[in-house]
Amino acid sequence: GKLGASMLRPVFHRVRDAMDYSQYGGAVLLGLKAPVVKTHGSTK
């Protein structure tokens, strides 16, 4: 299983990256006079 996983590692990385919505930025509070944007507390 571990050998098979090592061969599929690039696939797992692509799946992880596809589900990572932080790549699109933060959450925007729409409806204000100017942009106010909040990101997750664990943001790097």
ModelCIF file with pLDDT and N, C-alpha, C, O atoms, coordinates in Angstrom:
data_MODEL
#
_entry.id   MODEL 
#
_entity.id                         1 
_entity.type                       polymer 
_entity.pdbx_number_of_molecules   1 
#
_entity_poly.entity_id                      1 
_entity_poly.type                           'polypeptide(L)' 
_entity_poly.nstd_linkage                   no 
_entity_poly.nstd_monomer                   no 
_entity_poly.pdbx_seq_one_letter_code       GKLGASMLRPVFHRVRDAMDYSQYGGAVLLGLKAPVVKTHGSTK 
_entity_poly.pdbx_seq_one_letter_code_can   GKLGASMLRPVFHRVRDAMDYSQYGGAVLLGLKAPVVKTHGSTK 
_entity_poly.pdbx_strand_id                 A 
#
loop_
_entity_poly_seq.entity_id 
_entity_poly_seq.num 
_entity_poly_seq.mon_id 
_entity_poly_seq.hetero 
1 1  GLY n 
1 2  LYS n 
1 3  LEU n 
1 4  GLY n 
1 5  ALA n 
1 6  SER n 
1 7  MET n 
1 8  LEU n 
1 9  ARG n 
1 10 PRO n 
1 11 VAL n 
1 12 PHE n 
1 13 HIS n 
1 14 ARG n 
1 15 VAL n 
1 16 ARG n 
1 17 ASP n 
1 18 ALA n 
1 19 MET n 
1 20 ASP n 
1 21 TYR n 
1 22 SER n 
1 23 GLN n 
1 24 TYR n 
1 25 GLY n 
1 26 GLY n 
1 27 ALA n 
1 28 VAL n 
1 29 LEU n 
1 30 LEU n 
1 31 GLY n 
1 32 LEU n 
1 33 LYS n 
1 34 ALA n 
1 35 PRO n 
1 36 VAL n 
1 37 VAL n 
1 38 LYS n 
1 39 THR n 
1 40 HIS n 
1 41 GLY n 
1 42 SER n 
1 43 THR n 
1 44 LYS n 
#
_struct_asym.id          A 
_struct_asym.entity_id   1 
#
loop_
_ma_qa_metric.id 
_ma_qa_metric.mode 
_ma_qa_metric.name 
_ma_qa_metric.software_group_id 
_ma_qa_metric.type 
1 global pLDDT . pLDDT 
2 local  pLDDT . pLDDT 
#
_ma_qa_metric_global.metric_id      1 
_ma_qa_metric_global.metric_value   78.45 
_ma_qa_metric_global.model_id       1 
_ma_qa_metric_global.ordinal_id     1 
#
loop_
_ma_qa_metric_local.label_asym_id 
_ma_qa_metric_local.label_comp_id 
_ma_qa_metric_local.label_seq_id 
_ma_qa_metric_local.metric_id 
_ma_qa_metric_local.metric_value 
_ma_qa_metric_local.model_id 
_ma_qa_metric_local.ordinal_id 
A GLY 1  2 66.00 1 1  
A LYS 2  2 68.00 1 2  
A LEU 3  2 72.00 1 3  
A GLY 4  2 69.00 1 4  
A ALA 5  2 68.00 1 5  
A SER 6  2 74.00 1 6  
A MET 7  2 71.00 1 7  
A LEU 8  2 68.00 1 8  
A ARG 9  2 72.00 1 9  
A PRO 10 2 74.00 1 10 
A VAL 11 2 67.00 1 11 
A PHE 12 2 65.00 1 12 
A HIS 13 2 68.00 1 13 
A ARG 14 2 68.00 1 14 
A VAL 15 2 67.00 1 15 
A ARG 16 2 66.00 1 16 
A ASP 17 2 64.00 1 17 
A ALA 18 2 65.00 1 18 
A MET 19 2 63.00 1 19 
A ASP 20 2 64.00 1 20 
A TYR 21 2 59.00 1 21 
A SER 22 2 64.00 1 22 
A GLN 23 2 65.00 1 23 
A TYR 24 2 67.00 1 24 
A GLY 25 2 75.00 1 25 
A GLY 26 2 88.00 1 26 
A ALA 27 2 92.00 1 27 
A VAL 28 2 94.00 1 28 
A LEU 29 2 94.00 1 29 
A LEU 30 2 94.00 1 30 
A GLY 31 2 95.00 1 31 
A LEU 32 2 96.00 1 32 
A LYS 33 2 95.00 1 33 
A ALA 34 2 96.00 1 34 
A PRO 35 2 95.00 1 35 
A VAL 36 2 96.00 1 36 
A VAL 37 2 96.00 1 37 
A LYS 38 2 94.00 1 38 
A THR 39 2 92.00 1 39 
A HIS 40 2 88.00 1 40 
A GLY 41 2 88.00 1 41 
A SER 42 2 88.00 1 42 
A THR 43 2 90.00 1 43 
A LYS 44 2 92.00 1 44 
#
loop_
_atom_site.group_PDB 
_atom_site.id 
_atom_site.type_symbol 
_atom_site.label_atom_id 
_atom_site.label_alt_id 
_atom_site.label_comp_id 
_atom_site.label_asym_id 
_atom_site.label_entity_id 
_atom_site.label_seq_id 
_atom_site.pdbx_PDB_ins_code 
_atom_site.Cartn_x 
_atom_site.Cartn_y 
_atom_site.Cartn_z 
_atom_site.occupancy 
_atom_site.B_iso_or_equiv 
_atom_site.pdbx_formal_charge 
_atom_site.auth_seq_id 
_atom_site.auth_comp_id 
_atom_site.auth_asym_id 
_atom_site.auth_atom_id 
_atom_site.pdbx_PDB_model_num 
ATOM 1   N N  . GLY A 1 1  ? 0.814   -1.211 0.000  1.00 66.00 ? 1  GLY A N  1 
ATOM 2   C CA . GLY A 1 1  ? 0.000   0.000  0.000  1.00 66.00 ? 1  GLY A CA 1 
ATOM 3   C C  . GLY A 1 1  ? 0.847   1.261  0.000  1.00 66.00 ? 1  GLY A C  1 
ATOM 4   O O  . GLY A 1 1  ? 0.538   2.234  -0.687 1.00 66.00 ? 1  GLY A O  1 
ATOM 5   N N  . LYS A 1 2  ? 1.921   1.229  0.781  1.00 68.00 ? 2  LYS A N  1 
ATOM 6   C CA . LYS A 1 2  ? 2.801   2.397  0.857  1.00 68.00 ? 2  LYS A CA 1 
ATOM 7   C C  . LYS A 1 2  ? 3.553   2.629  -0.459 1.00 68.00 ? 2  LYS A C  1 
ATOM 8   O O  . LYS A 1 2  ? 3.756   3.770  -0.873 1.00 68.00 ? 2  LYS A O  1 
ATOM 9   N N  . LEU A 1 3  ? 3.961   1.539  -1.108 1.00 72.00 ? 3  LEU A N  1 
ATOM 10  C CA . LEU A 1 3  ? 4.624   1.688  -2.402 1.00 72.00 ? 3  LEU A CA 1 
ATOM 11  C C  . LEU A 1 3  ? 3.662   2.262  -3.443 1.00 72.00 ? 3  LEU A C  1 
ATOM 12  O O  . LEU A 1 3  ? 4.025   3.130  -4.236 1.00 72.00 ? 3  LEU A O  1 
ATOM 13  N N  . GLY A 1 4  ? 2.430   1.757  -3.420 1.00 69.00 ? 4  GLY A N  1 
ATOM 14  C CA . GLY A 1 4  ? 1.429   2.272  -4.349 1.00 69.00 ? 4  GLY A CA 1 
ATOM 15  C C  . GLY A 1 4  ? 1.129   3.735  -4.095 1.00 69.00 ? 4  GLY A C  1 
ATOM 16  O O  . GLY A 1 4  ? 0.949   4.514  -5.031 1.00 69.00 ? 4  GLY A O  1 
ATOM 17  N N  . ALA A 1 5  ? 1.075   4.107  -2.819 1.00 68.00 ? 5  ALA A N  1 
ATOM 18  C CA . ALA A 1 5  ? 0.800   5.493  -2.458 1.00 68.00 ? 5  ALA A CA 1 
ATOM 19  C C  . ALA A 1 5  ? 1.902   6.420  -2.922 1.00 68.00 ? 5  ALA A C  1 
ATOM 20  O O  . ALA A 1 5  ? 1.641   7.548  -3.340 1.00 68.00 ? 5  ALA A O  1 
ATOM 21  N N  . SER A 1 6  ? 3.157   5.936  -2.846 1.00 74.00 ? 6  SER A N  1 
ATOM 22  C CA . SER A 1 6  ? 4.279   6.781  -3.277 1.00 74.00 ? 6  SER A CA 1 
ATOM 23  C C  . SER A 1 6  ? 4.192   7.074  -4.773 1.00 74.00 ? 6  SER A C  1 
ATOM 24  O O  . SER A 1 6  ? 4.580   8.151  -5.225 1.00 74.00 ? 6  SER A O  1 
ATOM 25  N N  . MET A 1 7  ? 3.681   6.107  -5.537 1.00 71.00 ? 7  MET A N  1 
ATOM 26  C CA . MET A 1 7  ? 3.525   6.321  -6.974 1.00 71.00 ? 7  MET A CA 1 
ATOM 27  C C  . MET A 1 7  ? 2.373   7.279  -7.275 1.00 71.00 ? 7  MET A C  1 
ATOM 28  O O  . MET A 1 7  ? 2.386   7.987  -8.282 1.00 71.00 ? 7  MET A O  1 
ATOM 29  N N  . LEU A 1 8  ? 1.376   7.289  -6.386 1.00 68.00 ? 8  LEU A N  1 
ATOM 30  C CA . LEU A 1 8  ? 0.198   8.144  -6.587 1.00 68.00 ? 8  LEU A CA 1 
ATOM 31  C C  . LEU A 1 8  ? 0.313   9.499  -5.881 1.00 68.00 ? 8  LEU A C  1 
ATOM 32  O O  . LEU A 1 8  ? -0.629  10.291 -5.885 1.00 68.00 ? 8  LEU A O  1 
ATOM 33  N N  . ARG A 1 9  ? 1.469   9.753  -5.281 1.00 72.00 ? 9  ARG A N  1 
ATOM 34  C CA . ARG A 1 9  ? 1.628   10.996 -4.525 1.00 72.00 ? 9  ARG A CA 1 
ATOM 35  C C  . ARG A 1 9  ? 1.285   12.245 -5.336 1.00 72.00 ? 9  ARG A C  1 
ATOM 36  O O  . ARG A 1 9  ? 0.611   13.131 -4.810 1.00 72.00 ? 9  ARG A O  1 
ATOM 37  N N  . PRO A 1 10 ? 1.722   12.355 -6.603 1.00 74.00 ? 10 PRO A N  1 
ATOM 38  C CA . PRO A 1 10 ? 1.334   13.544 -7.383 1.00 74.00 ? 10 PRO A CA 1 
ATOM 39  C C  . PRO A 1 10 ? -0.179  13.691 -7.526 1.00 74.00 ? 10 PRO A C  1 
ATOM 40  O O  . PRO A 1 10 ? -0.702  14.805 -7.551 1.00 74.00 ? 10 PRO A O  1 
ATOM 41  N N  . VAL A 1 11 ? -0.877  12.555 -7.620 1.00 67.00 ? 11 VAL A N  1 
ATOM 42  C CA . VAL A 1 11 ? -2.345  12.598 -7.733 1.00 67.00 ? 11 VAL A CA 1 
ATOM 43  C C  . VAL A 1 11 ? -2.945  13.130 -6.447 1.00 67.00 ? 11 VAL A C  1 
ATOM 44  O O  . VAL A 1 11 ? -3.845  13.969 -6.482 1.00 67.00 ? 11 VAL A O  1 
ATOM 45  N N  . PHE A 1 12 ? -2.453  12.649 -5.306 1.00 65.00 ? 12 PHE A N  1 
ATOM 46  C CA . PHE A 1 12 ? -2.969  13.115 -4.021 1.00 65.00 ? 12 PHE A CA 1 
ATOM 47  C C  . PHE A 1 12 ? -2.723  14.613 -3.845 1.00 65.00 ? 12 PHE A C  1 
ATOM 48  O O  . PHE A 1 12 ? -3.562  15.332 -3.304 1.00 65.00 ? 12 PHE A O  1 
ATOM 49  N N  . HIS A 1 13 ? -1.565  15.068 -4.308 1.00 68.00 ? 13 HIS A N  1 
ATOM 50  C CA . HIS A 1 13 ? -1.253  16.491 -4.200 1.00 68.00 ? 13 HIS A CA 1 
ATOM 51  C C  . HIS A 1 13 ? -2.208  17.326 -5.052 1.00 68.00 ? 13 HIS A C  1 
ATOM 52  O O  . HIS A 1 13 ? -2.632  18.408 -4.644 1.00 68.00 ? 13 HIS A O  1 
ATOM 53  N N  . ARG A 1 14 ? -2.540  16.816 -6.234 1.00 68.00 ? 14 ARG A N  1 
ATOM 54  C CA . ARG A 1 14 ? -3.478  17.549 -7.104 1.00 68.00 ? 14 ARG A CA 1 
ATOM 55  C C  . ARG A 1 14 ? -4.871  17.597 -6.488 1.00 68.00 ? 14 ARG A C  1 
ATOM 56  O O  . ARG A 1 14 ? -5.562  18.611 -6.585 1.00 68.00 ? 14 ARG A O  1 
ATOM 57  N N  . VAL A 1 15 ? -5.280  16.505 -5.857 1.00 67.00 ? 15 VAL A N  1 
ATOM 58  C CA . VAL A 1 15 ? -6.584  16.479 -5.189 1.00 67.00 ? 15 VAL A CA 1 
ATOM 59  C C  . VAL A 1 15 ? -6.604  17.472 -4.041 1.00 67.00 ? 15 VAL A C  1 
ATOM 60  O O  . VAL A 1 15 ? -7.560  18.231 -3.883 1.00 67.00 ? 15 VAL A O  1 
ATOM 61  N N  . ARG A 1 16 ? -5.547  17.466 -3.241 1.00 66.00 ? 16 ARG A N  1 
ATOM 62  C CA . ARG A 1 16 ? -5.456  18.402 -2.116 1.00 66.00 ? 16 ARG A CA 1 
ATOM 63  C C  . ARG A 1 16 ? -5.494  19.845 -2.606 1.00 66.00 ? 16 ARG A C  1 
ATOM 64  O O  . ARG A 1 16 ? -6.200  20.678 -2.038 1.00 66.00 ? 16 ARG A O  1 
ATOM 65  N N  . ASP A 1 17 ? -4.744  20.137 -3.648 1.00 64.00 ? 17 ASP A N  1 
ATOM 66  C CA . ASP A 1 17 ? -4.703  21.502 -4.183 1.00 64.00 ? 17 ASP A CA 1 
ATOM 67  C C  . ASP A 1 17 ? -6.054  21.916 -4.762 1.00 64.00 ? 17 ASP A C  1 
ATOM 68  O O  . ASP A 1 17 ? -6.462  23.072 -4.638 1.00 64.00 ? 17 ASP A O  1 
ATOM 69  N N  . ALA A 1 18 ? -6.747  20.966 -5.394 1.00 65.00 ? 18 ALA A N  1 
ATOM 70  C CA . ALA A 1 18 ? -8.055  21.280 -5.984 1.00 65.00 ? 18 ALA A CA 1 
ATOM 71  C C  . ALA A 1 18 ? -9.065  21.665 -4.916 1.00 65.00 ? 18 ALA A C  1 
ATOM 72  O O  . ALA A 1 18 ? -9.932  22.504 -5.164 1.00 65.00 ? 18 ALA A O  1 
ATOM 73  N N  . MET A 1 19 ? -8.970  21.065 -3.724 1.00 63.00 ? 19 MET A N  1 
ATOM 74  C CA . MET A 1 19 ? -9.909  21.346 -2.648 1.00 63.00 ? 19 MET A CA 1 
ATOM 75  C C  . MET A 1 19 ? -9.500  22.525 -1.787 1.00 63.00 ? 19 MET A C  1 
ATOM 76  O O  . MET A 1 19 ? -10.247 22.921 -0.892 1.00 63.00 ? 19 MET A O  1 
ATOM 77  N N  . ASP A 1 20 ? -8.337  23.090 -2.038 1.00 64.00 ? 20 ASP A N  1 
ATOM 78  C CA . ASP A 1 20 ? -7.834  24.200 -1.228 1.00 64.00 ? 20 ASP A CA 1 
ATOM 79  C C  . ASP A 1 20 ? -8.380  25.515 -1.757 1.00 64.00 ? 20 ASP A C  1 
ATOM 80  O O  . ASP A 1 20 ? -7.805  26.110 -2.669 1.00 64.00 ? 20 ASP A O  1 
ATOM 81  N N  . TYR A 1 21 ? -9.496  25.972 -1.183 1.00 59.00 ? 21 TYR A N  1 
ATOM 82  C CA . TYR A 1 21 ? -10.122 27.187 -1.700 1.00 59.00 ? 21 TYR A CA 1 
ATOM 83  C C  . TYR A 1 21 ? -9.416  28.460 -1.241 1.00 59.00 ? 21 TYR A C  1 
ATOM 84  O O  . TYR A 1 21 ? -9.791  29.551 -1.671 1.00 59.00 ? 21 TYR A O  1 
ATOM 85  N N  . SER A 1 22 ? -8.389  28.349 -0.367 1.00 64.00 ? 22 SER A N  1 
ATOM 86  C CA . SER A 1 22 ? -7.640  29.536 0.042  1.00 64.00 ? 22 SER A CA 1 
ATOM 87  C C  . SER A 1 22 ? -6.839  30.116 -1.125 1.00 64.00 ? 22 SER A C  1 
ATOM 88  O O  . SER A 1 22 ? -6.401  31.266 -1.075 1.00 64.00 ? 22 SER A O  1 
ATOM 89  N N  . GLN A 1 23 ? -6.648  29.302 -2.188 1.00 65.00 ? 23 GLN A N  1 
ATOM 90  C CA . GLN A 1 23 ? -5.928  29.801 -3.361 1.00 65.00 ? 23 GLN A CA 1 
ATOM 91  C C  . GLN A 1 23 ? -6.679  30.945 -4.038 1.00 65.00 ? 23 GLN A C  1 
ATOM 92  O O  . GLN A 1 23 ? -6.086  31.732 -4.776 1.00 65.00 ? 23 GLN A O  1 
ATOM 93  N N  . TYR A 1 24 ? -7.994  31.034 -3.784 1.00 67.00 ? 24 TYR A N  1 
ATOM 94  C CA . TYR A 1 24 ? -8.800  32.085 -4.402 1.00 67.00 ? 24 TYR A CA 1 
ATOM 95  C C  . TYR A 1 24 ? -8.840  33.361 -3.571 1.00 67.00 ? 24 TYR A C  1 
ATOM 96  O O  . TYR A 1 24 ? -9.392  34.368 -4.014 1.00 67.00 ? 24 TYR A O  1 
ATOM 97  N N  . GLY A 1 25 ? -8.262  33.334 -2.374 1.00 75.00 ? 25 GLY A N  1 
ATOM 98  C CA . GLY A 1 25 ? -8.261  34.524 -1.523 1.00 75.00 ? 25 GLY A CA 1 
ATOM 99  C C  . GLY A 1 25 ? -9.152  34.350 -0.315 1.00 75.00 ? 25 GLY A C  1 
ATOM 100 O O  . GLY A 1 25 ? -9.385  33.233 0.148  1.00 75.00 ? 25 GLY A O  1 
ATOM 101 N N  . GLY A 1 26 ? -9.652  35.480 0.198  1.00 88.00 ? 26 GLY A N  1 
ATOM 102 C CA . GLY A 1 26 ? -10.438 35.449 1.422  1.00 88.00 ? 26 GLY A CA 1 
ATOM 103 C C  . GLY A 1 26 ? -11.924 35.622 1.172  1.00 88.00 ? 26 GLY A C  1 
ATOM 104 O O  . GLY A 1 26 ? -12.394 35.630 0.035  1.00 88.00 ? 26 GLY A O  1 
ATOM 105 N N  . ALA A 1 27 ? -12.647 35.760 2.274  1.00 92.00 ? 27 ALA A N  1 
ATOM 106 C CA . ALA A 1 27 ? -14.089 35.999 2.219  1.00 92.00 ? 27 ALA A CA 1 
ATOM 107 C C  . ALA A 1 27 ? -14.332 37.504 2.203  1.00 92.00 ? 27 ALA A C  1 
ATOM 108 O O  . ALA A 1 27 ? -13.779 38.240 3.020  1.00 92.00 ? 27 ALA A O  1 
ATOM 109 N N  . VAL A 1 28 ? -15.162 37.953 1.269  1.00 94.00 ? 28 VAL A N  1 
ATOM 110 C CA . VAL A 1 28 ? -15.427 39.380 1.093  1.00 94.00 ? 28 VAL A CA 1 
ATOM 111 C C  . VAL A 1 28 ? -16.790 39.717 1.689  1.00 94.00 ? 28 VAL A C  1 
ATOM 112 O O  . VAL A 1 28 ? -17.775 39.029 1.420  1.00 94.00 ? 28 VAL A O  1 
ATOM 113 N N  . LEU A 1 29 ? -16.848 40.771 2.494  1.00 94.00 ? 29 LEU A N  1 
ATOM 114 C CA . LEU A 1 29 ? -18.129 41.238 3.018  1.00 94.00 ? 29 LEU A CA 1 
ATOM 115 C C  . LEU A 1 29 ? -18.724 42.185 1.985  1.00 94.00 ? 29 LEU A C  1 
ATOM 116 O O  . LEU A 1 29 ? -18.429 43.380 1.982  1.00 94.00 ? 29 LEU A O  1 
ATOM 117 N N  . LEU A 1 30 ? -19.563 41.641 1.110  1.00 94.00 ? 30 LEU A N  1 
ATOM 118 C CA . LEU A 1 30 ? -20.157 42.430 0.036  1.00 94.00 ? 30 LEU A CA 1 
ATOM 119 C C  . LEU A 1 30 ? -21.317 43.277 0.558  1.00 94.00 ? 30 LEU A C  1 
ATOM 120 O O  . LEU A 1 30 ? -22.073 42.860 1.434  1.00 94.00 ? 30 LEU A O  1 
ATOM 121 N N  . GLY A 1 31 ? -21.432 44.473 -0.006 1.00 95.00 ? 31 GLY A N  1 
ATOM 122 C CA . GLY A 1 31 ? -22.500 45.379 0.392  1.00 95.00 ? 31 GLY A CA 1 
ATOM 123 C C  . GLY A 1 31 ? -22.000 46.571 1.174  1.00 95.00 ? 31 GLY A C  1 
ATOM 124 O O  . GLY A 1 31 ? -22.791 47.394 1.635  1.00 95.00 ? 31 GLY A O  1 
ATOM 125 N N  . LEU A 1 32 ? -20.682 46.670 1.329  1.00 96.00 ? 32 LEU A N  1 
ATOM 126 C CA . LEU A 1 32 ? -20.082 47.811 2.026  1.00 96.00 ? 32 LEU A CA 1 
ATOM 127 C C  . LEU A 1 32 ? -19.550 48.823 1.015  1.00 96.00 ? 32 LEU A C  1 
ATOM 128 O O  . LEU A 1 32 ? -19.403 48.520 -0.169 1.00 96.00 ? 32 LEU A O  1 
ATOM 129 N N  . LYS A 1 33 ? -19.267 50.022 1.501  1.00 95.00 ? 33 LYS A N  1 
ATOM 130 C CA . LYS A 1 33 ? -18.830 51.106 0.626  1.00 95.00 ? 33 LYS A CA 1 
ATOM 131 C C  . LYS A 1 33 ? -17.434 50.873 0.041  1.00 95.00 ? 33 LYS A C  1 
ATOM 132 O O  . LYS A 1 33 ? -17.049 51.528 -0.928 1.00 95.00 ? 33 LYS A O  1 
ATOM 133 N N  . ALA A 1 34 ? -16.684 49.948 0.624  1.00 96.00 ? 34 ALA A N  1 
ATOM 134 C CA . ALA A 1 34 ? -15.345 49.607 0.130  1.00 96.00 ? 34 ALA A CA 1 
ATOM 135 C C  . ALA A 1 34 ? -15.082 48.147 0.478  1.00 96.00 ? 34 ALA A C  1 
ATOM 136 O O  . ALA A 1 34 ? -15.721 47.611 1.383  1.00 96.00 ? 34 ALA A O  1 
ATOM 137 N N  . PRO A 1 35 ? -14.149 47.486 -0.224 1.00 95.00 ? 35 PRO A N  1 
ATOM 138 C CA . PRO A 1 35 ? -13.884 46.074 0.050  1.00 95.00 ? 35 PRO A CA 1 
ATOM 139 C C  . PRO A 1 35 ? -13.355 45.820 1.464  1.00 95.00 ? 35 PRO A C  1 
ATOM 140 O O  . PRO A 1 35 ? -12.406 46.466 1.908  1.00 95.00 ? 35 PRO A O  1 
ATOM 141 N N  . VAL A 1 36 ? -13.977 44.880 2.153  1.00 96.00 ? 36 VAL A N  1 
ATOM 142 C CA . VAL A 1 36 ? -13.511 44.388 3.446  1.00 96.00 ? 36 VAL A CA 1 
ATOM 143 C C  . VAL A 1 36 ? -13.346 42.882 3.278  1.00 96.00 ? 36 VAL A C  1 
ATOM 144 O O  . VAL A 1 36 ? -14.313 42.179 2.982  1.00 96.00 ? 36 VAL A O  1 
ATOM 145 N N  . VAL A 1 37 ? -12.117 42.383 3.466  1.00 96.00 ? 37 VAL A N  1 
ATOM 146 C CA . VAL A 1 37 ? -11.813 40.984 3.151  1.00 96.00 ? 37 VAL A CA 1 
ATOM 147 C C  . VAL A 1 37 ? -11.198 40.305 4.365  1.00 96.00 ? 37 VAL A C  1 
ATOM 148 O O  . VAL A 1 37 ? -10.261 40.815 4.979  1.00 96.00 ? 37 VAL A O  1 
ATOM 149 N N  . LYS A 1 38 ? -11.750 39.139 4.695  1.00 94.00 ? 38 LYS A N  1 
ATOM 150 C CA . LYS A 1 38 ? -11.311 38.368 5.869  1.00 94.00 ? 38 LYS A CA 1 
ATOM 151 C C  . LYS A 1 38 ? -10.792 37.007 5.423  1.00 94.00 ? 38 LYS A C  1 
ATOM 152 O O  . LYS A 1 38 ? -11.473 36.297 4.682  1.00 94.00 ? 38 LYS A O  1 
ATOM 153 N N  . THR A 1 39 ? -9.585  36.636 5.870  1.00 92.00 ? 39 THR A N  1 
ATOM 154 C CA . THR A 1 39 ? -9.066  35.298 5.593  1.00 92.00 ? 39 THR A CA 1 
ATOM 155 C C  . THR A 1 39 ? -9.077  34.479 6.874  1.00 92.00 ? 39 THR A C  1 
ATOM 156 O O  . THR A 1 39 ? -9.258  35.007 7.971  1.00 92.00 ? 39 THR A O  1 
ATOM 157 N N  . HIS A 1 40 ? -8.880  33.184 6.710  1.00 88.00 ? 40 HIS A N  1 
ATOM 158 C CA . HIS A 1 40 ? -8.890  32.245 7.837  1.00 88.00 ? 40 HIS A CA 1 
ATOM 159 C C  . HIS A 1 40 ? -7.786  32.600 8.838  1.00 88.00 ? 40 HIS A C  1 
ATOM 160 O O  . HIS A 1 40 ? -6.736  33.119 8.460  1.00 88.00 ? 40 HIS A O  1 
ATOM 161 N N  . GLY A 1 41 ? -8.038  32.315 10.110 1.00 88.00 ? 41 GLY A N  1 
ATOM 162 C CA . GLY A 1 41 ? -7.046  32.623 11.144 1.00 88.00 ? 41 GLY A CA 1 
ATOM 163 C C  . GLY A 1 41 ? -5.718  31.922 10.945 1.00 88.00 ? 41 GLY A C  1 
ATOM 164 O O  . GLY A 1 41 ? -4.685  32.422 11.390 1.00 88.00 ? 41 GLY A O  1 
ATOM 165 N N  . SER A 1 42 ? -5.725  30.757 10.278 1.00 88.00 ? 42 SER A N  1 
ATOM 166 C CA . SER A 1 42 ? -4.485  30.001 10.057 1.00 88.00 ? 42 SER A CA 1 
ATOM 167 C C  . SER A 1 42 ? -3.764  30.411 8.778  1.00 88.00 ? 42 SER A C  1 
ATOM 168 O O  . SER A 1 42 ? -2.860  29.715 8.314  1.00 88.00 ? 42 SER A O  1 
ATOM 169 N N  . THR A 1 43 ? -4.167  31.541 8.215  1.00 90.00 ? 43 THR A N  1 
ATOM 170 C CA . THR A 1 43 ? -3.581  32.021 6.956  1.00 90.00 ? 43 THR A CA 1 
ATOM 171 C C  . THR A 1 43 ? -2.066  32.219 7.061  1.00 90.00 ? 43 THR A C  1 
ATOM 172 O O  . THR A 1 43 ? -1.544  32.719 8.057  1.00 90.00 ? 43 THR A O  1 
ATOM 173 N N  . LYS A 1 44 ? -1.382  31.800 5.980  1.00 92.00 ? 44 LYS A N  1 
ATOM 174 C CA . LYS A 1 44 ? 0.060   32.038 5.879  1.00 92.00 ? 44 LYS A CA 1 
ATOM 175 C C  . LYS A 1 44 ? 0.351   32.937 4.680  1.00 92.00 ? 44 LYS A C  1 
ATOM 176 O O  . LYS A 1 44 ? 1.510   33.260 4.417  1.00 92.00 ? 44 LYS A O  1 
#
